[in-house]
Structure formats: C-alpha cells, structure tokens
Amino acid sequence: MTYNFSPHKKLSQGDILRHIRAIANVVGGEGNGPKYKESNIIVVSRNCEIDKGTNSVLVARLARLKSQREEFRGVVRAGEVLNAFYLPSEGPLMDEESYIDWRTLQQISKEELMKMRYQLGCYRCSLGEIMLKACLGSLIEFFTKPEEEE
C-alpha cells in the first residue's frame, strides 16, 4: 500500500498535510526575507523526536508534478532526480502526482502541525511503510551522494 488514511492518529513521520504555511523562497519578499506560501508538506522528523519536548518538526514541501515540464516529469517518475522523491497518484488519497523537493527541508512549529493534523481538510494521508522507507532512503541519498556523481 502506497498511502494510508488514519485521521485520528497523532502527528507522525510520513504524514502529508495540506494548507501549511511554509517557506517557499528564501530570497523573496522585502529586504530579502523569506517568502511564505500555503503548501502541502510531508513530516520528515522521526516519531521519537516528535514525541519529545522539541518545539519544531522537520518537513519538506511537496510540488505538483503537472506544473513541471514533461521532460522533468519523466525523470522524476524514473527516480533520476537527486533532490526529488516521486509520489504517484493513487485514488482519492493522492489524486495527482507529486514529488517531495528535498531542497525545501525546513522546521515548522510542532504545536501548529499537531493542530493542523486534526483540522478538517488539512490531513491528507500518510505514506505506507514500504513507501516511507523508500522516501527516507531518497533523503539519505540526497544528503550523502558525492557532487561528482550528480
């Protein structure tokens, strides 16, 4: 199973949430301050970190694949883009193809995300176990692959 739907569970690694205010561009806005955008995000922090007394959770933004050039869509689907992890469309849980953009990793308030997790329309789904392992493997590869291999 690629995705599962558990709206009553607590905030967890692999949760995909909608309508989250996240940084979209670090050099946008007045005075070169960050530019924020309502975004779909995935929770990257481990569950044990979320359960601890930390104030923030590590997330990455999702991007709609159809907003990209066809050539780029093909290489993302094939898993050939180091900074992107492909999320296929699968029924009502994920109604369009997307990808996780690892370049958008950022901290967001844990309290805010916990509230949004239970808010109607904000929780979309969670990655299934096999998909979550593949996703995190992609993140590790993004951080550890030598530049000469890119």
Protein backbone atom coordinates (compact mmCIF):
# COMPACT_ATOMS: atom_id res chain seq x y z
CA MET A 1 0.00 0.00 0.00
CA THR A 2 1.46 3.33 -1.06
CA TYR A 3 -0.69 5.52 1.20
CA ASN A 4 -2.98 5.01 4.15
CA PHE A 5 -5.56 7.22 5.81
CA SER A 6 -5.53 7.49 9.61
CA PRO A 7 -7.13 10.81 10.54
CA HIS A 8 -7.27 10.07 14.29
CA LYS A 9 -3.62 9.12 14.79
CA LYS A 10 -1.14 11.58 16.26
CA LEU A 11 1.31 13.53 14.09
CA SER A 12 3.82 11.04 12.64
CA GLN A 13 6.71 10.70 10.23
CA GLY A 14 5.35 10.31 6.71
CA ASP A 15 2.16 12.32 7.31
CA ILE A 16 1.19 14.52 4.38
CA LEU A 17 -0.61 17.72 5.35
CA ARG A 18 -2.22 20.44 3.23
CA HIS A 19 -2.60 24.19 3.74
CA ILE A 20 0.58 24.60 5.81
CA ARG A 21 2.36 27.96 5.78
CA ALA A 22 5.91 27.10 4.73
CA ILE A 23 8.92 28.91 3.32
CA ALA A 24 8.75 28.82 -0.47
CA ASN A 25 11.68 31.06 -1.33
CA VAL A 26 14.45 32.21 1.00
CA VAL A 27 15.44 35.24 -1.08
CA GLY A 28 11.98 36.52 -1.90
CA GLY A 29 10.00 39.22 -0.16
CA GLU A 30 11.03 42.63 1.04
CA GLY A 31 14.52 43.02 2.39
CA ASN A 32 15.46 39.55 1.14
CA GLY A 33 13.38 37.93 3.87
CA PRO A 34 11.80 34.54 3.30
CA LYS A 35 8.66 34.28 1.19
CA TYR A 36 5.93 32.05 2.64
CA LYS A 37 3.32 30.08 0.74
CA GLU A 38 0.47 27.77 1.71
CA SER A 39 1.89 24.36 0.85
CA ASN A 40 1.46 20.63 1.04
CA ILE A 41 4.19 19.16 3.24
CA ILE A 42 5.45 15.80 4.47
CA VAL A 43 6.66 15.24 8.03
CA VAL A 44 10.29 14.04 7.99
CA SER A 45 11.11 14.08 11.73
CA ARG A 46 11.17 10.71 13.43
CA ASN A 47 8.26 9.86 15.73
CA CYS A 48 10.53 9.73 18.81
CA GLU A 49 11.67 13.29 18.04
CA ILE A 50 8.09 14.47 17.61
CA ASP A 51 7.15 12.92 20.97
CA LYS A 52 10.00 14.70 22.78
CA GLY A 53 9.79 18.26 24.06
CA THR A 54 11.08 19.82 20.84
CA ASN A 55 9.35 22.93 19.51
CA SER A 56 9.62 22.16 15.81
CA VAL A 57 9.29 19.36 13.28
CA LEU A 58 11.35 18.85 10.14
CA VAL A 59 9.22 18.87 6.98
CA ALA A 60 9.70 19.14 3.22
CA ARG A 61 7.37 20.74 0.69
CA LEU A 62 5.54 18.75 -1.97
CA ALA A 63 5.29 20.03 -5.53
CA ARG A 64 2.69 19.13 -8.15
CA LEU A 65 4.33 17.20 -10.95
CA LYS A 66 1.93 18.50 -13.61
CA SER A 67 3.29 22.03 -13.03
CA GLN A 68 6.67 20.91 -14.43
CA ARG A 69 7.95 20.38 -18.00
CA GLU A 70 7.17 16.95 -19.45
CA GLU A 71 10.88 16.06 -19.67
CA PHE A 72 11.32 16.76 -15.95
CA ARG A 73 8.20 14.74 -15.10
CA GLY A 74 9.70 11.69 -16.81
CA VAL A 75 12.99 11.80 -14.93
CA VAL A 76 11.21 12.37 -11.59
CA ARG A 77 8.95 9.37 -12.25
CA ALA A 78 12.05 7.30 -13.10
CA GLY A 79 13.73 8.33 -9.83
CA GLU A 80 16.59 10.07 -11.63
CA VAL A 81 16.39 13.44 -9.86
CA LEU A 82 18.50 13.52 -6.72
CA ASN A 83 16.54 16.26 -4.97
CA ALA A 84 13.08 14.83 -5.74
CA PHE A 85 11.13 11.79 -4.50
CA TYR A 86 8.19 10.79 -6.66
CA LEU A 87 4.73 10.35 -5.12
CA PRO A 88 2.34 8.63 -7.54
CA SER A 89 -1.33 9.42 -7.86
CA GLU A 90 -3.41 6.74 -6.16
CA GLY A 91 -7.14 7.19 -5.87
CA PRO A 92 -8.69 9.73 -3.53
CA LEU A 93 -5.79 9.83 -1.05
CA MET A 94 -3.35 11.30 -3.60
CA ASP A 95 -5.40 12.49 -6.54
CA GLU A 96 -2.45 13.87 -8.52
CA GLU A 97 1.20 13.05 -9.00
CA SER A 98 3.57 14.99 -6.77
CA TYR A 99 7.14 14.92 -5.61
CA ILE A 100 8.96 15.79 -2.42
CA ASP A 101 11.53 18.51 -3.02
CA TRP A 102 14.36 17.74 -0.60
CA ARG A 103 15.79 21.25 -1.15
CA THR A 104 12.84 22.65 0.81
CA LEU A 105 13.58 20.98 4.15
CA GLN A 106 12.62 23.31 6.99
CA GLN A 107 11.46 23.42 10.58
CA ILE A 108 7.82 24.20 11.35
CA SER A 109 6.17 24.64 14.74
CA LYS A 110 5.26 21.26 16.18
CA GLU A 111 2.28 22.77 18.02
CA GLU A 112 0.93 24.23 14.77
CA LEU A 113 1.33 20.96 12.87
CA MET A 114 -0.31 18.98 15.66
CA LYS A 115 -3.34 21.29 15.47
CA MET A 116 -3.46 21.09 11.69
CA ARG A 117 -3.24 17.26 11.78
CA TYR A 118 -6.75 17.13 13.26
CA GLN A 119 -8.23 20.04 11.33
CA LEU A 120 -10.72 19.00 8.66
CA GLY A 121 -9.15 19.12 5.20
CA CYS A 122 -5.55 19.51 6.37
CA TYR A 123 -4.55 15.90 6.90
CA ARG A 124 -4.33 14.22 3.51
CA CYS A 125 -2.77 10.81 4.15
CA SER A 126 0.36 9.05 5.39
CA LEU A 127 2.95 7.09 3.47
CA GLY A 128 2.65 3.33 3.79
CA GLU A 129 5.57 1.51 5.43
CA ILE A 130 7.35 0.45 2.23
CA MET A 131 6.89 3.86 0.60
CA LEU A 132 8.15 5.61 3.76
CA LYS A 133 11.34 3.51 3.74
CA ALA A 134 11.94 4.33 0.06
CA CYS A 135 11.27 8.01 0.76
CA LEU A 136 13.76 8.18 3.63
CA GLY A 137 16.31 6.28 1.53
CA SER A 138 15.94 9.00 -1.08
CA LEU A 139 16.57 11.65 1.59
CA ILE A 140 19.74 9.89 2.73
CA GLU A 141 20.94 9.64 -0.86
CA PHE A 142 20.25 13.36 -1.35
CA PHE A 143 22.48 14.23 1.61
CA THR A 144 25.26 11.71 1.02
CA LYS A 145 25.77 11.41 -2.73
CA PRO A 146 29.11 12.95 -3.77
CA GLU A 147 28.78 16.00 -6.02
CA GLU A 148 30.82 14.42 -8.81
CA GLU A 149 28.12 11.73 -9.16
CA GLU A 150 25.25 14.22 -9.60
